[in-house]
Amino acid sequence: MGIIEIKNLHKSYGNEKVLNGINLEISRGEIVAIIGSSGSGKSTLLRCINYLEMPSDGEILFNGKNHLSNQKSIQKLRTKVSMVFQNFHLFNNLNVLDNLTIAPNKVLKLKKEDLKTKALDTLNLVGMKDFASKNVNLLSGGQKQRVAIARALMMAPEVILFDEPTSALDPEMVGEVLATIKNLAKMNITMIVVTHEMSFARDIANRVIFMNEGIIHEIGTPEEVLVNPKSLRTQEFLKRYLNN
């Protein structure tokens, strides 16, 4: 049994179908990269996994349990499935350290002094310890995203979801964020990464998923999907993407 099991997942907004029967099992410690054109359903799939979007039909099991039964169960799930957004979602009125400690203090009821020590250790992990007292408004995009990654780690998650973590960054800042995520890969945290960085997907992922029109169109190892794709649609996407 995988840490996450997705069974016949559908998501619609009115008459618009975004996900059309997704079936996927993700193993503990696995790193899965999701690629595909804009509008293919990548981010919606990610947001359904921790119920930021509610599925229209189907099941999502976390450690064998469906958490849709009640709101309290969903809140519990979100302590174990953290999300890193493309636009950071930091508290701009707080400094870096407070951004990391506010959620664990409220949700996990951890003591502030213990949290400060843990937060500094976590910031050190992402190369941001020296910025602990700095207001997040004064940080670069790459620094903000590394703080967002550290914040996700503070909840001791079993899974981290990354929704195009480099798409809002200037090109020179992309490398520092990708390097940070690569370092996390050594920690045996299950990660699902929606990305348009093909070389990053190839380097980090155990499996790559190509989504098209709300379905998993092709899935396999990075070698299978990115280097030797079987599907003509995958070939067309990669050719157009790599030529841009």
Protein backbone atom coordinates (compact mmCIF):
# COMPACT_ATOMS: atom_id res chain seq x y z
CA MET A 1 0.00 0.00 0.00
CA GLY A 2 1.34 3.42 -0.96
CA ILE A 3 1.43 6.45 1.33
CA ILE A 4 -0.98 8.08 -1.15
CA GLU A 5 -3.53 6.19 -3.25
CA ILE A 6 -5.66 8.07 -5.76
CA LYS A 7 -8.62 6.17 -7.17
CA ASN A 8 -10.71 7.37 -10.14
CA LEU A 9 -10.31 11.03 -9.17
CA HIS A 10 -12.47 13.57 -10.98
CA LYS A 11 -12.64 17.33 -10.57
CA SER A 12 -14.98 19.68 -12.38
CA TYR A 13 -15.76 23.37 -12.12
CA GLY A 14 -19.32 23.64 -13.37
CA ASN A 15 -19.30 22.05 -16.82
CA GLU A 16 -15.52 22.25 -17.13
CA LYS A 17 -13.82 18.93 -16.43
CA VAL A 18 -10.29 19.39 -15.14
CA LEU A 19 -9.44 15.88 -13.88
CA ASN A 20 -10.90 12.90 -15.70
CA GLY A 21 -10.29 9.73 -13.71
CA ILE A 22 -6.82 9.84 -12.13
CA ASN A 23 -5.46 6.59 -10.70
CA LEU A 24 -2.09 6.78 -8.98
CA GLU A 25 -0.23 5.16 -6.09
CA ILE A 26 2.79 6.87 -4.55
CA SER A 27 5.19 4.96 -2.31
CA ARG A 28 6.67 6.30 0.90
CA GLY A 29 9.91 8.18 0.18
CA GLU A 30 9.18 8.40 -3.55
CA ILE A 31 9.79 11.58 -5.54
CA VAL A 32 7.30 12.12 -8.35
CA ALA A 33 7.57 14.94 -10.89
CA ILE A 34 4.45 16.03 -12.77
CA ILE A 35 4.86 17.78 -16.11
CA GLY A 36 2.43 18.91 -18.79
CA SER A 37 0.98 21.89 -20.62
CA SER A 38 -0.82 24.72 -18.86
CA GLY A 39 -4.39 23.64 -18.14
CA SER A 40 -3.62 19.91 -18.12
CA GLY A 41 -4.71 19.53 -14.48
CA LYS A 42 -1.31 19.33 -12.77
CA SER A 43 -1.88 21.93 -10.05
CA THR A 44 -5.50 20.86 -9.53
CA LEU A 45 -4.33 17.30 -8.85
CA LEU A 46 -1.82 18.59 -6.32
CA ARG A 47 -4.42 20.77 -4.60
CA CYS A 48 -6.87 17.85 -4.40
CA ILE A 49 -4.30 15.70 -2.60
CA ASN A 50 -4.42 17.91 0.51
CA TYR A 51 -8.02 19.02 -0.10
CA LEU A 52 -7.36 22.65 -0.97
CA GLU A 53 -9.69 21.62 -3.79
CA MET A 54 -12.45 19.14 -3.03
CA PRO A 55 -12.70 16.22 -5.49
CA SER A 56 -15.92 15.95 -7.49
CA ASP A 57 -15.67 12.16 -7.42
CA GLY A 58 -13.22 9.41 -6.50
CA GLU A 59 -11.02 8.73 -3.49
CA ILE A 60 -7.69 9.94 -2.12
CA LEU A 61 -6.28 7.72 0.61
CA PHE A 62 -3.44 8.83 2.89
CA ASN A 63 -1.89 5.88 4.76
CA GLY A 64 -4.95 3.89 3.76
CA LYS A 65 -7.48 6.36 5.16
CA ASN A 66 -9.95 8.63 3.35
CA HIS A 67 -9.90 11.97 5.18
CA LEU A 68 -12.92 13.48 3.44
CA SER A 69 -15.21 12.32 6.23
CA ASN A 70 -14.98 15.53 8.28
CA GLN A 71 -13.17 18.87 8.52
CA LYS A 72 -11.15 17.84 11.59
CA SER A 73 -9.77 14.86 9.67
CA ILE A 74 -8.78 17.14 6.77
CA GLN A 75 -6.98 19.51 9.16
CA LYS A 76 -5.08 16.55 10.60
CA LEU A 77 -4.10 15.45 7.10
CA ARG A 78 -2.67 18.89 6.32
CA THR A 79 -0.26 18.64 9.24
CA LYS A 80 1.27 15.63 7.48
CA VAL A 81 0.99 16.84 3.87
CA SER A 82 2.64 20.26 3.52
CA MET A 83 2.49 22.43 0.42
CA VAL A 84 4.96 24.87 -1.12
CA PHE A 85 3.27 27.36 -3.45
CA GLN A 86 4.69 29.11 -6.49
CA ASN A 87 3.95 32.52 -4.92
CA PHE A 88 5.35 31.62 -1.47
CA HIS A 89 2.23 32.50 0.65
CA LEU A 90 4.37 33.91 3.44
CA PHE A 91 3.16 36.38 6.09
CA ASN A 92 4.68 39.60 4.76
CA ASN A 93 4.18 41.45 8.06
CA LEU A 94 6.32 38.94 9.98
CA ASN A 95 10.02 38.18 10.02
CA VAL A 96 11.47 34.91 8.77
CA LEU A 97 11.57 33.19 12.16
CA ASP A 98 7.95 34.05 12.99
CA ASN A 99 6.82 32.74 9.60
CA LEU A 100 8.25 29.36 10.58
CA THR A 101 6.93 29.17 14.14
CA ILE A 102 3.38 30.52 13.93
CA ALA A 103 1.71 27.38 12.50
CA PRO A 104 3.50 24.77 14.67
CA ASN A 105 2.75 26.90 17.74
CA LYS A 106 -0.98 27.06 16.96
CA VAL A 107 -1.51 23.63 15.42
CA LEU A 108 1.03 21.38 17.15
CA LYS A 109 1.00 23.35 20.45
CA LEU A 110 4.79 23.28 20.68
CA LYS A 111 6.60 25.62 23.09
CA LYS A 112 8.00 28.81 21.58
CA GLU A 113 11.54 28.22 22.82
CA ASP A 114 11.61 24.70 21.42
CA LEU A 115 10.19 26.04 18.16
CA LYS A 116 12.85 28.73 17.90
CA THR A 117 15.63 26.14 18.14
CA LYS A 118 13.92 23.91 15.58
CA ALA A 119 13.27 26.86 13.27
CA LEU A 120 16.91 27.96 13.31
CA ASP A 121 18.03 24.39 12.58
CA THR A 122 15.55 24.19 9.70
CA LEU A 123 16.62 27.56 8.29
CA ASN A 124 20.21 26.35 8.42
CA LEU A 125 19.16 23.35 6.35
CA VAL A 126 17.96 25.62 3.53
CA GLY A 127 20.78 28.15 3.86
CA MET A 128 18.65 30.90 5.44
CA LYS A 129 19.70 30.91 9.11
CA ASP A 130 21.43 34.29 8.82
CA PHE A 131 18.12 35.84 7.71
CA ALA A 132 16.05 34.67 10.70
CA SER A 133 15.27 38.16 12.02
CA LYS A 134 14.78 39.76 8.60
CA ASN A 135 11.34 40.84 7.37
CA VAL A 136 10.30 38.61 4.48
CA ASN A 137 9.46 41.69 2.36
CA LEU A 138 13.20 42.40 2.17
CA LEU A 139 14.07 38.98 0.72
CA SER A 140 14.60 38.01 -2.90
CA GLY A 141 12.18 35.58 -4.56
CA GLY A 142 14.61 32.71 -4.20
CA GLN A 143 15.12 33.46 -0.52
CA LYS A 144 11.36 33.66 0.06
CA GLN A 145 10.88 30.27 -1.56
CA ARG A 146 13.59 28.72 0.61
CA VAL A 147 11.82 30.16 3.67
CA ALA A 148 8.56 28.66 2.39
CA ILE A 149 10.28 25.27 2.09
CA ALA A 150 11.63 25.61 5.64
CA ARG A 151 8.13 26.49 6.86
CA ALA A 152 6.77 23.32 5.24
CA LEU A 153 9.45 21.26 6.98
CA MET A 154 8.54 22.70 10.40
CA MET A 155 5.39 20.57 10.49
CA ALA A 156 7.50 17.39 10.18
CA PRO A 157 5.45 16.35 7.14
CA GLU A 158 5.38 12.89 5.62
CA VAL A 159 4.68 14.41 2.19
CA ILE A 160 5.59 17.77 0.65
CA LEU A 161 3.71 19.03 -2.41
CA PHE A 162 5.51 21.58 -4.61
CA ASP A 163 3.34 23.58 -7.02
CA GLU A 164 5.76 24.93 -9.66
CA PRO A 165 8.16 26.21 -6.98
CA THR A 166 10.38 28.11 -9.44
CA SER A 167 7.83 29.60 -11.85
CA ALA A 168 7.64 32.98 -10.05
CA LEU A 169 11.42 33.36 -9.82
CA ASP A 170 13.92 35.23 -11.92
CA PRO A 171 16.15 32.78 -13.84
CA GLU A 172 19.22 33.42 -11.65
CA MET A 173 17.25 32.46 -8.53
CA VAL A 174 15.92 29.15 -9.85
CA GLY A 175 19.13 27.22 -9.16
CA GLU A 176 19.23 27.94 -5.43
CA VAL A 177 15.67 26.71 -4.93
CA LEU A 178 16.19 23.56 -7.03
CA ALA A 179 19.37 22.81 -5.08
CA THR A 180 17.41 23.12 -1.82
CA ILE A 181 14.77 20.67 -3.03
CA LYS A 182 17.49 18.26 -4.19
CA ASN A 183 18.92 18.31 -0.66
CA LEU A 184 15.50 17.37 0.73
CA ALA A 185 15.51 14.33 -1.53
CA LYS A 186 18.17 12.84 0.76
CA MET A 187 15.80 13.02 3.77
CA ASN A 188 13.40 10.29 2.59
CA ILE A 189 10.42 12.68 2.52
CA THR A 190 7.81 11.79 -0.07
CA MET A 191 7.67 14.64 -2.59
CA ILE A 192 5.33 15.43 -5.47
CA VAL A 193 6.65 18.25 -7.64
CA VAL A 194 4.73 20.02 -10.40
CA THR A 195 7.49 21.55 -12.50
CA HIS A 196 8.43 22.89 -15.90
CA GLU A 197 12.14 22.30 -15.23
CA MET A 198 12.74 19.15 -17.29
CA SER A 199 16.39 18.67 -16.32
CA PHE A 200 15.43 18.98 -12.65
CA ALA A 201 12.66 16.39 -13.09
CA ARG A 202 15.13 14.06 -14.75
CA ASP A 203 17.71 14.47 -11.98
CA ILE A 204 15.49 14.22 -8.92
CA ALA A 205 12.44 12.08 -9.69
CA ASN A 206 11.91 8.36 -9.27
CA ARG A 207 8.95 8.66 -11.64
CA VAL A 208 7.73 11.32 -14.05
CA ILE A 209 4.06 11.83 -14.91
CA PHE A 210 3.01 13.59 -18.10
CA MET A 211 -0.52 14.95 -17.78
CA ASN A 212 -2.68 15.89 -20.73
CA GLU A 213 -6.34 17.00 -20.73
CA GLY A 214 -6.94 15.92 -17.15
CA ILE A 215 -5.52 12.41 -17.36
CA ILE A 216 -2.19 10.73 -16.72
CA HIS A 217 -1.11 10.36 -20.32
CA GLU A 218 2.25 8.71 -19.63
CA ILE A 219 4.09 7.61 -16.50
CA GLY A 220 7.46 5.98 -15.95
CA THR A 221 11.05 6.57 -14.98
CA PRO A 222 12.69 9.85 -16.10
CA GLU A 223 14.51 7.84 -18.77
CA GLU A 224 11.25 6.37 -20.07
CA VAL A 225 9.19 9.56 -20.11
CA LEU A 226 11.72 12.32 -20.76
CA VAL A 227 14.29 10.55 -22.93
CA ASN A 228 12.29 7.78 -24.65
CA PRO A 229 8.60 8.71 -24.45
CA LYS A 230 6.24 6.21 -26.06
CA SER A 231 3.31 8.57 -26.63
CA LEU A 232 3.28 10.90 -29.62
CA ARG A 233 1.61 13.55 -27.46
CA THR A 234 4.43 13.36 -24.90
CA GLN A 235 6.98 13.58 -27.70
CA GLU A 236 5.25 16.67 -29.12
CA PHE A 237 5.14 18.35 -25.70
CA LEU A 238 8.79 17.69 -24.95
CA LYS A 239 9.92 18.75 -28.41
CA ARG A 240 8.01 22.03 -28.23
CA TYR A 241 9.03 22.64 -24.63
CA LEU A 242 12.71 21.91 -25.13
CA ASN A 243 12.80 24.04 -28.27
CA ASN A 244 11.40 27.10 -26.48
